[in-house]
């Protein structure tokens, strides 16, 4: 098998540096625009706010549990992002809500130049490396889940993952190992302390590159083993503490929340990397992988396939790294082919101008497609609405401390910002919220996920009294919080104001109404909103 060309590390010239800065600026624009426009953390982050608060309250000692949604959740999530978030809040005086809004954006922006450090030795030329970095910077899947509130761990994980992969590339290509196994293992260990899926991506990447190492696969494998040992040393204090407190079952339960191989294969063939109106970057990425296969340049196709097969839930995110590399390889070969095919009568003066014009057109189209991704029905780049926040403030002020709520927003739990933020902003229990259950032991997450899906279906597709059924089967419900946004309808779940109407018709009391949000009291006493 052939590998994409490698070359010795060289200093970066001024034109290349300017190109990297320009690409980083474009990446910053497409990332910052939805964050600034929102004014509140995008999508999720409620549970992570509580975890950061627990770190601060414990004086930067690893907490044993975190209180969220009426649960005492084992603090077994990799903690690096929470410690960084707590330090940021203390140093800047920023609120925790703004911390999970701003810090992920910063980490995500810095991931762009780090991607160049990965591509430069793999692709052999600065032009290809810059092109690959541009593809990575503009593909929405490389950042959309990273800049949400939950991105305080995801974006740090990706940043450290790129650091580990860049160090691994150097480790695999140098005649003498030097410090590279230690640097690679340290970055990989810190990555594992930030986000579990990022750690899986690093492991897959390091394995995928072994057969393509110019120093030979046996030497590369030995260096891989050494770096894994270093990573284990970095990770072991946290791992020993968590296992000693909560046992292996907590970590094993969390590991069972990903999708299966069937889901991975479906994602693999969608190539929805930009989620825009045209999906231009996904098309170019698919073309790039095809060209690599035809030319027997196997590294990027093998790397991308392994990423999908091992980590389906975040496969599209982490696969942007190898797909962008394949995209650059194919694009620049296409430019070379077009240059050769130009008529000999074309003056040389116009050839670079045509190439530059085509590059500008591609960049503009890529930026536009990336910015348009926030309008995709499945995009996480939506914040909690003002009406929902007002309703949660009312619930915090006007309902009993032990009041229970069914929260129905008509969206899958991954996109249901209302359900995740409700326990934090309202300070009340949301009975169908899924977040946090992955750390309660094997099977608990799937059990709660099924309950959440049942509520989604009940609120949208049946005439049942969802609150009465939940009370009969699970536990008593005091209030039902419903909201209906455009995204729910676009996702095929017309929801959920008709549920509020059914509850009122069956004897419930409309306690709060503002815009597209209703709170219906189905049991107990509460003061109605004026």
Protein backbone atom coordinates (compact mmCIF):
# COMPACT_ATOMS: atom_id res chain seq x y z
CA UNK A 1 0.00 0.00 0.00
CA UNK A 2 1.10 3.49 -0.74
CA UNK A 3 0.94 6.41 1.62
CA UNK A 4 0.56 10.10 1.02
CA UNK A 5 4.00 11.67 0.75
CA UNK A 6 5.89 12.86 3.83
CA UNK A 7 8.63 15.42 4.11
CA UNK A 8 11.02 16.76 6.73
CA UNK A 9 9.82 19.52 9.03
CA UNK A 10 10.78 22.92 7.64
CA UNK A 11 10.23 26.48 8.74
CA UNK A 12 7.00 28.09 7.61
CA UNK A 13 7.51 30.77 4.98
CA UNK A 14 5.68 34.08 5.03
CA UNK A 15 3.20 33.20 2.23
CA UNK A 16 2.25 29.98 4.03
CA UNK A 17 1.94 31.78 7.36
CA UNK A 18 -0.31 34.40 5.79
CA UNK A 19 -2.44 31.66 4.25
CA UNK A 20 -2.77 29.90 7.63
CA UNK A 21 -3.81 33.16 9.29
CA UNK A 22 -6.37 33.79 6.55
CA UNK A 23 -7.82 30.29 6.86
CA UNK A 24 -7.90 30.58 10.66
CA UNK A 25 -9.75 33.88 10.31
CA UNK A 26 -12.35 32.26 8.06
CA UNK A 27 -12.68 29.42 10.55
CA UNK A 28 -13.13 31.95 13.37
CA UNK A 29 -15.86 33.78 11.43
CA UNK A 30 -18.00 30.71 10.76
CA UNK A 31 -17.58 29.60 14.37
CA UNK A 32 -18.13 32.95 16.06
CA UNK A 33 -21.17 34.03 14.03
CA UNK A 34 -23.72 31.62 15.58
CA UNK A 35 -22.22 32.03 19.06
CA UNK A 36 -22.40 35.83 18.99
CA UNK A 37 -25.84 35.84 17.37
CA UNK A 38 -27.26 33.55 20.06
CA UNK A 39 -26.46 35.47 23.23
CA UNK A 40 -26.83 32.21 25.20
CA UNK A 41 -24.95 28.89 25.00
CA UNK A 42 -25.89 26.96 21.90
CA UNK A 43 -27.89 23.77 22.46
CA UNK A 44 -26.63 21.92 25.55
CA UNK A 45 -24.41 22.69 28.54
CA UNK A 46 -26.70 22.69 31.55
CA UNK A 47 -25.19 19.59 33.15
CA UNK A 48 -21.68 20.88 32.50
CA UNK A 49 -22.46 24.18 34.23
CA UNK A 50 -23.31 22.16 37.33
CA UNK A 51 -20.08 20.18 37.01
CA UNK A 52 -17.98 23.33 36.73
CA UNK A 53 -19.79 24.75 39.75
CA UNK A 54 -19.01 21.55 41.69
CA UNK A 55 -15.30 21.87 40.85
CA UNK A 56 -15.26 25.46 42.10
CA UNK A 57 -17.22 24.62 45.23
CA UNK A 58 -14.78 21.80 46.02
CA UNK A 59 -11.74 24.06 45.81
CA UNK A 60 -10.52 22.38 42.61
CA UNK A 61 -10.54 18.92 44.15
CA UNK A 62 -12.22 16.22 42.08
CA UNK A 63 -15.82 16.03 43.38
CA UNK A 64 -17.27 12.62 44.13
CA UNK A 65 -20.75 13.43 42.79
CA UNK A 66 -22.60 16.32 41.19
CA UNK A 67 -26.20 17.26 41.95
CA UNK A 68 -28.28 17.60 38.79
CA UNK A 69 -31.98 17.13 38.13
CA UNK A 70 -32.63 15.57 41.52
CA UNK A 71 -29.88 12.98 40.97
CA UNK A 72 -26.53 12.52 42.63
CA UNK A 73 -24.52 11.71 39.53
CA UNK A 74 -21.06 10.12 39.92
CA UNK A 75 -18.45 12.65 38.84
CA UNK A 76 -16.89 10.17 36.44
CA UNK A 77 -16.83 12.32 33.30
CA UNK A 78 -13.27 13.19 32.16
CA UNK A 79 -12.74 16.41 34.15
CA UNK A 80 -10.15 18.54 32.30
CA UNK A 81 -12.72 20.77 30.57
CA UNK A 82 -14.51 21.46 33.86
CA UNK A 83 -11.29 22.50 35.60
CA UNK A 84 -10.39 24.77 32.69
CA UNK A 85 -13.90 26.25 32.73
CA UNK A 86 -13.73 26.84 36.48
CA UNK A 87 -10.33 28.51 36.16
CA UNK A 88 -11.59 30.70 33.31
CA UNK A 89 -14.61 31.81 35.35
CA UNK A 90 -12.47 32.61 38.38
CA UNK A 91 -9.81 34.48 36.40
CA UNK A 92 -12.21 36.53 34.28
CA UNK A 93 -15.17 36.89 36.64
CA UNK A 94 -17.38 35.56 33.86
CA UNK A 95 -20.61 33.76 34.77
CA UNK A 96 -20.64 30.00 34.29
CA UNK A 97 -23.29 30.27 31.60
CA UNK A 98 -21.14 32.69 29.61
CA UNK A 99 -18.10 30.51 30.29
CA UNK A 100 -19.66 27.52 28.50
CA UNK A 101 -20.59 29.91 25.71
CA UNK A 102 -17.16 31.49 25.16
CA UNK A 103 -14.54 28.88 26.10
CA UNK A 104 -15.65 26.26 23.52
CA UNK A 105 -15.44 28.89 20.78
CA UNK A 106 -11.85 29.75 21.73
CA UNK A 107 -10.76 26.12 21.77
CA UNK A 108 -12.46 25.46 18.43
CA UNK A 109 -10.74 28.40 16.74
CA UNK A 110 -7.32 27.23 17.91
CA UNK A 111 -8.02 23.78 16.46
CA UNK A 112 -7.70 25.25 12.94
CA UNK A 113 -3.94 26.03 12.94
CA UNK A 114 -3.33 22.77 14.82
CA UNK A 115 -4.93 20.92 11.92
CA UNK A 116 -2.24 22.43 9.66
CA UNK A 117 0.40 20.81 11.90
CA UNK A 118 -1.27 17.45 11.21
CA UNK A 119 -1.58 17.89 7.46
CA UNK A 120 1.79 19.44 6.61
CA UNK A 121 3.97 16.34 7.01
CA UNK A 122 1.27 14.02 5.66
CA UNK A 123 0.50 15.90 2.45
CA UNK A 124 4.03 16.84 1.48
CA UNK A 125 3.45 20.44 0.38
CA UNK A 126 2.37 23.62 2.12
CA UNK A 127 -0.27 24.24 -0.57
CA UNK A 128 -1.98 20.92 0.10
CA UNK A 129 -1.72 21.40 3.87
CA UNK A 130 -3.31 24.85 3.66
CA UNK A 131 -6.08 23.51 1.41
CA UNK A 132 -6.77 20.69 3.86
CA UNK A 133 -6.80 23.14 6.77
CA UNK A 134 -9.31 25.29 4.89
CA UNK A 135 -11.55 22.27 4.33
CA UNK A 136 -11.36 21.36 8.02
CA UNK A 137 -12.01 24.96 9.09
CA UNK A 138 -15.15 25.31 6.98
CA UNK A 139 -16.82 21.94 7.40
CA UNK A 140 -19.58 22.58 9.92
CA UNK A 141 -19.17 19.11 11.36
CA UNK A 142 -15.68 20.05 12.53
CA UNK A 143 -17.11 22.68 14.86
CA UNK A 144 -20.91 22.65 15.23
CA UNK A 145 -20.98 20.33 18.27
CA UNK A 146 -17.72 21.84 19.51
CA UNK A 147 -19.03 25.40 19.99
CA UNK A 148 -22.19 24.43 21.87
CA UNK A 149 -22.34 24.72 25.65
CA UNK A 150 -21.30 21.08 25.94
CA UNK A 151 -18.32 21.94 23.77
CA UNK A 152 -16.43 23.01 26.89
CA UNK A 153 -15.26 19.37 26.94
CA UNK A 154 -15.70 18.44 23.26
CA UNK A 155 -13.66 21.34 21.86
CA UNK A 156 -10.84 20.86 24.36
CA UNK A 157 -10.87 17.16 23.53
CA UNK A 158 -10.57 17.84 19.78
CA UNK A 159 -7.83 20.43 20.36
CA UNK A 160 -5.76 17.95 22.37
CA UNK A 161 -6.59 15.16 19.92
CA UNK A 162 -5.14 17.17 17.04
CA UNK A 163 -2.08 17.89 19.20
CA UNK A 164 -1.64 14.18 19.87
CA UNK A 165 -2.10 13.23 16.21
CA UNK A 166 0.37 15.92 15.07
CA UNK A 167 2.94 14.59 17.55
CA UNK A 168 2.18 11.01 16.47
CA UNK A 169 2.89 11.87 12.82
CA UNK A 170 6.31 13.17 13.83
CA UNK A 171 6.89 10.10 16.00
CA UNK A 172 6.18 7.78 13.06
CA UNK A 173 8.38 9.55 10.53
CA UNK A 174 11.62 10.34 12.35
CA UNK A 175 14.55 7.88 12.33
CA UNK A 176 15.14 8.51 16.05
CA UNK A 177 12.21 8.58 18.43
CA UNK A 178 13.57 11.34 20.66
CA UNK A 179 10.90 12.88 22.88
CA UNK A 180 8.05 12.24 20.45
CA UNK A 181 6.57 9.14 22.15
CA UNK A 182 6.48 11.08 25.43
CA UNK A 183 4.91 14.13 23.78
CA UNK A 184 2.41 11.96 21.90
CA UNK A 185 1.45 9.98 24.99
CA UNK A 186 1.13 13.09 27.16
CA UNK A 187 -1.17 14.79 24.65
CA UNK A 188 -3.19 11.58 24.24
CA UNK A 189 -3.55 11.20 28.01
CA UNK A 190 -4.69 14.80 28.41
CA UNK A 191 -7.13 14.25 25.55
CA UNK A 192 -8.59 11.24 27.38
CA UNK A 193 -8.96 13.47 30.45
CA UNK A 194 -11.03 15.87 28.34
CA UNK A 195 -13.47 13.84 26.28
CA UNK A 196 -13.94 10.07 25.79
CA UNK A 197 -14.82 10.22 22.08
CA UNK A 198 -11.80 12.41 21.36
CA UNK A 199 -9.63 9.80 23.08
CA UNK A 200 -11.14 7.08 20.86
CA UNK A 201 -10.34 9.21 17.80
CA UNK A 202 -6.71 9.54 18.89
CA UNK A 203 -6.40 5.80 19.40
CA UNK A 204 -7.93 5.04 16.00
CA UNK A 205 -5.71 7.62 14.31
CA UNK A 206 -2.53 6.28 15.85
CA UNK A 207 -3.42 2.74 14.76
CA UNK A 208 -4.48 3.81 11.25
CA UNK A 209 -1.11 5.45 10.59
CA UNK A 210 1.10 2.51 11.64
CA UNK A 211 1.10 0.72 8.24
CA UNK A 212 1.97 3.96 6.43
CA UNK A 213 4.95 4.96 8.54
CA UNK A 214 8.16 5.52 6.53
CA UNK A 215 10.21 4.06 9.41
CA UNK A 216 8.44 0.69 9.05
CA UNK A 217 5.39 -0.66 10.78
CA UNK A 218 7.31 -2.64 13.42
CA UNK A 219 9.22 0.38 14.66
CA UNK A 220 6.07 2.48 14.51
CA UNK A 221 4.18 -0.15 16.52
CA UNK A 222 6.86 -0.15 19.23
CA UNK A 223 6.68 3.62 19.47
CA UNK A 224 2.89 3.39 19.60
CA UNK A 225 3.13 1.02 22.57
CA UNK A 226 5.53 3.40 24.32
CA UNK A 227 3.23 6.38 23.79
CA UNK A 228 0.21 4.39 25.05
CA UNK A 229 2.19 3.63 28.19
CA UNK A 230 2.85 7.33 28.73
CA UNK A 231 -0.84 8.11 28.15
CA UNK A 232 -1.78 5.47 30.73
CA UNK A 233 0.52 7.13 33.28
CA UNK A 234 -1.08 10.52 32.62
CA UNK A 235 -4.59 9.07 32.85
CA UNK A 236 -4.07 6.72 35.79
CA UNK A 237 -4.50 9.10 38.78
CA UNK A 238 -7.97 10.12 37.60
CA UNK A 239 -8.91 6.60 36.50
CA UNK A 240 -7.83 5.02 39.81
CA UNK A 241 -9.78 7.66 41.74
CA UNK A 242 -12.97 7.19 39.73
CA UNK A 243 -12.86 3.39 39.78
CA UNK A 244 -12.08 3.41 43.48
CA UNK A 245 -15.08 5.62 44.18
CA UNK A 246 -17.67 4.29 41.75
CA UNK A 247 -16.37 1.01 40.33
CA UNK A 248 -15.98 -0.01 36.70
CA UNK A 249 -19.75 -0.23 36.17
CA UNK A 250 -20.06 3.55 35.98
CA UNK A 251 -17.56 3.81 33.13
CA UNK A 252 -18.92 0.73 31.38
CA UNK A 253 -22.44 2.14 31.50
CA UNK A 254 -21.27 5.40 29.90
CA UNK A 255 -19.43 3.46 27.19
CA UNK A 256 -22.70 1.84 26.07
CA UNK A 257 -24.32 5.09 24.92
CA UNK A 258 -22.83 5.16 21.41
CA UNK A 259 -24.47 3.90 18.23
CA UNK A 260 -23.83 0.62 16.45
CA UNK A 261 -22.09 -0.35 13.22
CA UNK A 262 -25.30 0.04 11.22
CA UNK A 263 -25.59 3.66 12.30
CA UNK A 264 -21.92 4.18 11.43
CA UNK A 265 -22.39 2.87 7.90
CA UNK A 266 -25.41 5.13 7.35
CA UNK A 267 -23.40 8.14 8.49
CA UNK A 268 -20.43 7.10 6.38
CA UNK A 269 -22.40 7.27 3.15
CA UNK A 270 -24.27 10.51 3.90
CA UNK A 271 -21.14 12.70 3.83
CA UNK A 272 -23.09 15.46 5.59
CA UNK A 273 -19.98 17.37 6.61
CA UNK A 274 -21.23 20.93 6.08
CA UNK A 275 -25.00 20.48 6.63
CA UNK A 276 -25.54 23.46 4.35
CA UNK A 277 -28.00 23.94 1.51
CA UNK A 278 -25.62 22.57 -1.16
CA UNK A 279 -23.37 20.25 0.92
CA UNK A 280 -20.51 21.31 -1.33
CA UNK A 281 -17.79 20.29 1.10
CA UNK A 282 -19.32 16.85 1.60
CA UNK A 283 -19.37 16.30 -2.15
CA UNK A 284 -15.75 17.42 -2.52
CA UNK A 285 -14.78 15.23 0.43
CA UNK A 286 -16.39 12.17 -1.16
CA UNK A 287 -14.61 13.00 -4.42
CA UNK A 288 -11.34 13.34 -2.53
CA UNK A 289 -11.64 9.91 -0.94
CA UNK A 290 -12.51 8.42 -4.33
CA UNK A 291 -9.44 10.00 -5.96
CA UNK A 292 -7.22 8.75 -3.13
CA UNK A 293 -8.54 5.21 -3.61
CA UNK A 294 -8.08 5.36 -7.40
CA UNK A 295 -4.51 6.61 -6.91
CA UNK A 296 -3.89 3.99 -4.21
CA UNK A 297 -3.26 6.63 -1.59
CA UNK A 298 -4.83 4.63 1.21
CA UNK A 299 -4.10 6.55 4.40
CA UNK A 300 -7.02 8.99 4.38
CA UNK A 301 -9.71 6.51 3.21
CA UNK A 302 -8.63 3.89 5.77
CA UNK A 303 -8.39 6.51 8.50
CA UNK A 304 -11.87 7.91 7.74
CA UNK A 305 -13.47 4.46 7.57
CA UNK A 306 -12.02 3.43 10.93
CA UNK A 307 -13.20 6.64 12.57
CA UNK A 308 -16.76 5.97 11.43
CA UNK A 309 -16.78 2.31 12.39
CA UNK A 310 -15.38 2.84 15.90
CA UNK A 311 -17.16 6.03 16.96
CA UNK A 312 -20.54 6.42 15.29
CA UNK A 313 -22.03 9.08 17.58
CA UNK A 314 -19.28 11.53 16.69
CA UNK A 315 -18.07 9.89 13.49
CA UNK A 316 -18.92 12.84 11.25
CA UNK A 317 -17.08 15.23 13.56
CA UNK A 318 -13.78 13.40 13.80
CA UNK A 319 -13.85 12.11 10.23
CA UNK A 320 -13.55 15.71 9.05
CA UNK A 321 -9.82 15.43 9.80
CA UNK A 322 -8.96 12.66 7.28
CA UNK A 323 -11.69 13.73 4.83
CA UNK A 324 -10.25 17.26 4.63
CA UNK A 325 -6.84 15.75 3.90
CA UNK A 326 -8.26 13.66 1.06
CA UNK A 327 -10.16 16.70 -0.21
CA UNK A 328 -6.97 18.76 -0.49
CA UNK A 329 -5.07 15.96 -2.19
CA UNK A 330 -7.77 15.59 -4.83
CA UNK A 331 -8.40 19.31 -5.35
CA UNK A 332 -4.80 20.20 -6.01
CA UNK A 333 -4.44 17.26 -8.37
CA UNK A 334 -7.54 18.56 -10.17
CA UNK A 335 -5.93 22.01 -10.43
CA UNK A 336 -2.82 20.43 -11.93
CA UNK A 337 -4.94 18.47 -14.42
CA UNK A 338 -6.82 21.62 -15.46
CA UNK A 339 -3.56 23.50 -15.92
CA UNK A 340 -2.20 20.77 -18.19
CA UNK A 341 -5.44 20.73 -20.19
CA UNK A 342 -5.45 24.48 -20.79
CA UNK A 343 -4.87 25.46 -24.42
CA UNK A 344 -1.26 26.35 -25.20
CA UNK A 345 -2.54 29.70 -26.46
CA UNK A 346 -3.54 30.70 -22.92
CA UNK A 347 -0.95 33.21 -21.70
CA UNK A 348 0.90 32.09 -18.54
CA UNK A 349 -0.12 35.42 -16.98
CA UNK A 350 -3.77 34.33 -16.83
CA UNK A 351 -3.25 30.81 -15.52
CA UNK A 352 -2.46 31.76 -11.89
CA UNK A 353 -5.26 34.33 -12.00
CA UNK A 354 -7.77 31.67 -13.04
CA UNK A 355 -6.53 29.36 -10.30
CA UNK A 356 -6.77 32.16 -7.72
CA UNK A 357 -10.28 33.06 -8.89
CA UNK A 358 -11.37 29.43 -8.59
CA UNK A 359 -9.90 29.20 -5.09
CA UNK A 360 -11.74 32.38 -4.04
CA UNK A 361 -15.02 31.04 -5.45
CA UNK A 362 -14.58 27.76 -3.57
CA UNK A 363 -13.76 29.57 -0.33
CA UNK A 364 -16.75 31.91 -0.62
CA UNK A 365 -19.06 29.00 -1.40
CA UNK A 366 -17.60 27.01 1.50
CA UNK A 367 -18.11 29.89 3.95
CA UNK A 368 -21.68 30.43 2.74
CA UNK A 369 -22.50 26.73 3.00
CA UNK A 370 -20.95 26.56 6.46
CA UNK A 371 -22.89 29.57 7.74
CA UNK A 372 -26.09 28.11 6.29
CA UNK A 373 -25.63 24.96 8.37
CA UNK A 374 -27.29 26.56 11.38
CA UNK A 375 -30.60 26.44 9.49
CA UNK A 376 -30.42 22.68 9.07
CA UNK A 377 -33.22 21.06 11.16
CA UNK A 378 -30.71 18.79 12.86
CA UNK A 379 -28.17 21.49 13.66
CA UNK A 380 -27.21 22.04 17.31
CA UNK A 381 -26.50 25.72 16.59
CA UNK A 382 -29.67 26.96 18.27
CA UNK A 383 -29.88 28.46 21.77
CA UNK A 384 -32.59 28.15 24.36
CA UNK A 385 -35.32 30.66 23.44
CA UNK A 386 -36.14 33.75 25.52
CA UNK A 387 -39.65 32.40 26.10
CA UNK A 388 -38.31 29.12 27.46
CA UNK A 389 -35.94 30.93 29.80
CA UNK A 390 -38.77 33.14 31.04
CA UNK A 391 -40.91 30.08 31.72
CA UNK A 392 -38.09 28.42 33.64
CA UNK A 393 -37.61 31.56 35.74
CA UNK A 394 -41.34 31.48 36.52
CA UNK A 395 -41.11 27.81 37.54
CA UNK A 396 -38.20 28.59 39.84
CA UNK A 397 -40.15 31.40 41.54
CA UNK A 398 -43.71 30.06 41.58
CA UNK A 399 -43.60 26.29 42.11
CA UNK A 400 -42.70 24.13 45.09
CA UNK A 401 -39.08 23.05 45.42
CA UNK A 402 -40.03 19.38 45.00
CA UNK A 403 -42.35 19.94 42.01
CA UNK A 404 -41.90 17.50 39.12
CA UNK A 405 -42.17 18.42 35.44
CA UNK A 406 -42.58 16.63 32.16
CA UNK A 407 -40.75 18.75 29.62
CA UNK A 408 -41.84 18.25 26.01
CA UNK A 409 -40.10 20.24 23.28
CA UNK A 410 -40.61 17.90 20.31
CA UNK A 411 -36.90 17.27 19.67
CA UNK A 412 -34.59 14.26 20.11
CA UNK A 413 -32.78 14.41 23.42
CA UNK A 414 -29.45 15.30 21.75
CA UNK A 415 -31.03 18.54 20.44
CA UNK A 416 -33.45 19.13 23.31
CA UNK A 417 -31.85 22.14 24.98
CA UNK A 418 -35.05 22.80 26.94
CA UNK A 419 -34.89 19.49 28.82
CA UNK A 420 -31.21 19.81 29.69
CA UNK A 421 -31.27 23.44 30.81
CA UNK A 422 -34.54 23.13 32.75
CA UNK A 423 -33.02 21.55 35.92
CA UNK A 424 -30.41 24.32 36.05
CA UNK A 425 -32.51 27.39 35.28
CA UNK A 426 -35.75 26.24 36.94
CA UNK A 427 -34.15 24.29 39.75
CA UNK A 428 -36.84 21.62 39.42
CA UNK A 429 -36.84 18.00 38.30
CA UNK A 430 -37.40 17.23 34.62
CA UNK A 431 -38.57 13.63 34.65
CA UNK A 432 -37.72 12.75 31.04
CA UNK A 433 -34.32 14.46 30.73
CA UNK A 434 -31.69 11.99 29.50
CA UNK A 435 -28.45 13.83 30.28
CA UNK A 436 -26.63 12.46 33.30
CA UNK A 437 -28.16 8.99 33.21
CA UNK A 438 -25.18 7.57 31.32
CA UNK A 439 -23.18 7.70 34.57
CA UNK A 440 -25.71 5.83 36.71
CA UNK A 441 -24.66 2.34 35.65
CA UNK A 442 -25.18 -0.11 32.78
CA UNK A 443 -28.62 0.00 31.20
CA UNK A 444 -29.84 3.11 33.00
CA UNK A 445 -29.15 5.45 30.08
CA UNK A 446 -31.06 3.28 27.56
CA UNK A 447 -33.95 2.99 30.00
CA UNK A 448 -34.25 6.77 30.33
CA UNK A 449 -33.71 7.23 26.59
CA UNK A 450 -36.74 4.97 25.95
CA UNK A 451 -38.84 7.02 28.36
CA UNK A 452 -37.79 10.20 26.62
CA UNK A 453 -38.71 8.76 23.22
CA UNK A 454 -42.06 7.63 24.57
CA UNK A 455 -42.82 11.17 25.72
CA UNK A 456 -41.76 12.57 22.34
CA UNK A 457 -44.15 10.21 20.56
CA UNK A 458 -46.96 10.68 23.06
CA UNK A 459 -46.85 14.46 22.83
CA UNK A 460 -46.75 14.53 19.04
CA UNK A 461 -48.66 11.58 17.70
CA UNK A 462 -51.38 10.44 20.13
CA UNK A 463 -54.40 11.71 22.01
CA UNK A 464 -53.25 10.14 25.26
CA UNK A 465 -52.97 12.01 28.53
CA UNK A 466 -49.18 11.78 28.70
CA UNK A 467 -48.99 13.11 32.26
CA UNK A 468 -51.53 10.60 33.59
CA UNK A 469 -49.80 7.72 31.82
CA UNK A 470 -46.38 8.77 33.15
CA UNK A 471 -47.83 9.07 36.66
CA UNK A 472 -49.33 5.59 36.38
CA UNK A 473 -46.21 3.87 35.04
CA UNK A 474 -43.23 5.88 36.36
CA UNK A 475 -43.95 8.54 39.00
CA UNK A 476 -46.25 11.45 39.80
CA UNK A 477 -46.20 14.50 37.53
CA UNK A 478 -47.08 17.95 38.88
CA UNK A 479 -46.59 20.12 35.77
CA UNK A 480 -46.15 19.73 32.06
CA UNK A 481 -43.84 22.21 30.33
CA UNK A 482 -44.41 22.34 26.56
CA UNK A 483 -42.90 24.42 23.82
CA UNK A 484 -43.12 24.27 20.05
CA UNK A 485 -40.35 25.59 17.86
CA UNK A 486 -39.77 25.54 14.12
CA UNK A 487 -37.05 22.91 14.44
CA UNK A 488 -39.42 20.38 16.01
CA UNK A 489 -41.80 20.65 13.07
CA UNK A 490 -38.95 20.37 10.58
CA UNK A 491 -37.71 17.23 12.31
CA UNK A 492 -41.09 15.60 11.84
CA UNK A 493 -42.34 16.01 15.41
CA UNK A 494 -45.20 18.57 15.38
CA UNK A 495 -45.24 19.34 19.05
CA UNK A 496 -46.26 20.18 21.66
CA UNK A 497 -48.90 22.87 22.22
CA UNK A 498 -51.70 20.44 21.43
CA UNK A 499 -50.58 18.45 24.47
CA UNK A 500 -51.13 21.52 26.65
CA UNK A 501 -54.60 22.00 25.13
CA UNK A 502 -55.50 18.35 25.84
CA UNK A 503 -54.36 18.68 29.44
CA UNK A 504 -56.40 21.83 29.98
CA UNK A 505 -59.47 20.21 28.41
CA UNK A 506 -59.09 17.26 30.79
CA UNK A 507 -59.02 19.45 33.89
CA UNK A 508 -55.49 20.81 34.06
CA UNK A 509 -54.83 24.48 34.75
CA UNK A 510 -52.83 26.73 32.44
CA UNK A 511 -50.33 28.18 34.89
CA UNK A 512 -47.99 29.99 32.47
CA UNK A 513 -48.24 31.08 28.84
CA UNK A 514 -45.81 33.19 26.86
CA UNK A 515 -45.25 32.92 23.13
CA UNK A 516 -44.76 29.28 22.19
CA UNK A 517 -44.34 28.07 25.78
CA UNK A 518 -47.03 26.71 28.11
CA UNK A 519 -46.90 25.29 31.63
CA UNK A 520 -49.92 23.28 32.69
CA UNK A 521 -50.49 22.29 36.30
CA UNK A 522 -51.83 18.76 36.53
CA UNK A 523 -51.49 18.29 40.32
CA UNK A 524 -50.66 20.30 43.43
CA UNK A 525 -50.90 24.01 44.06
CA UNK A 526 -49.16 26.79 42.21
CA UNK A 527 -49.71 30.42 41.56
CA UNK A 528 -50.90 31.15 38.03
CA UNK A 529 -48.96 33.62 35.94
CA UNK A 530 -50.64 36.99 35.51
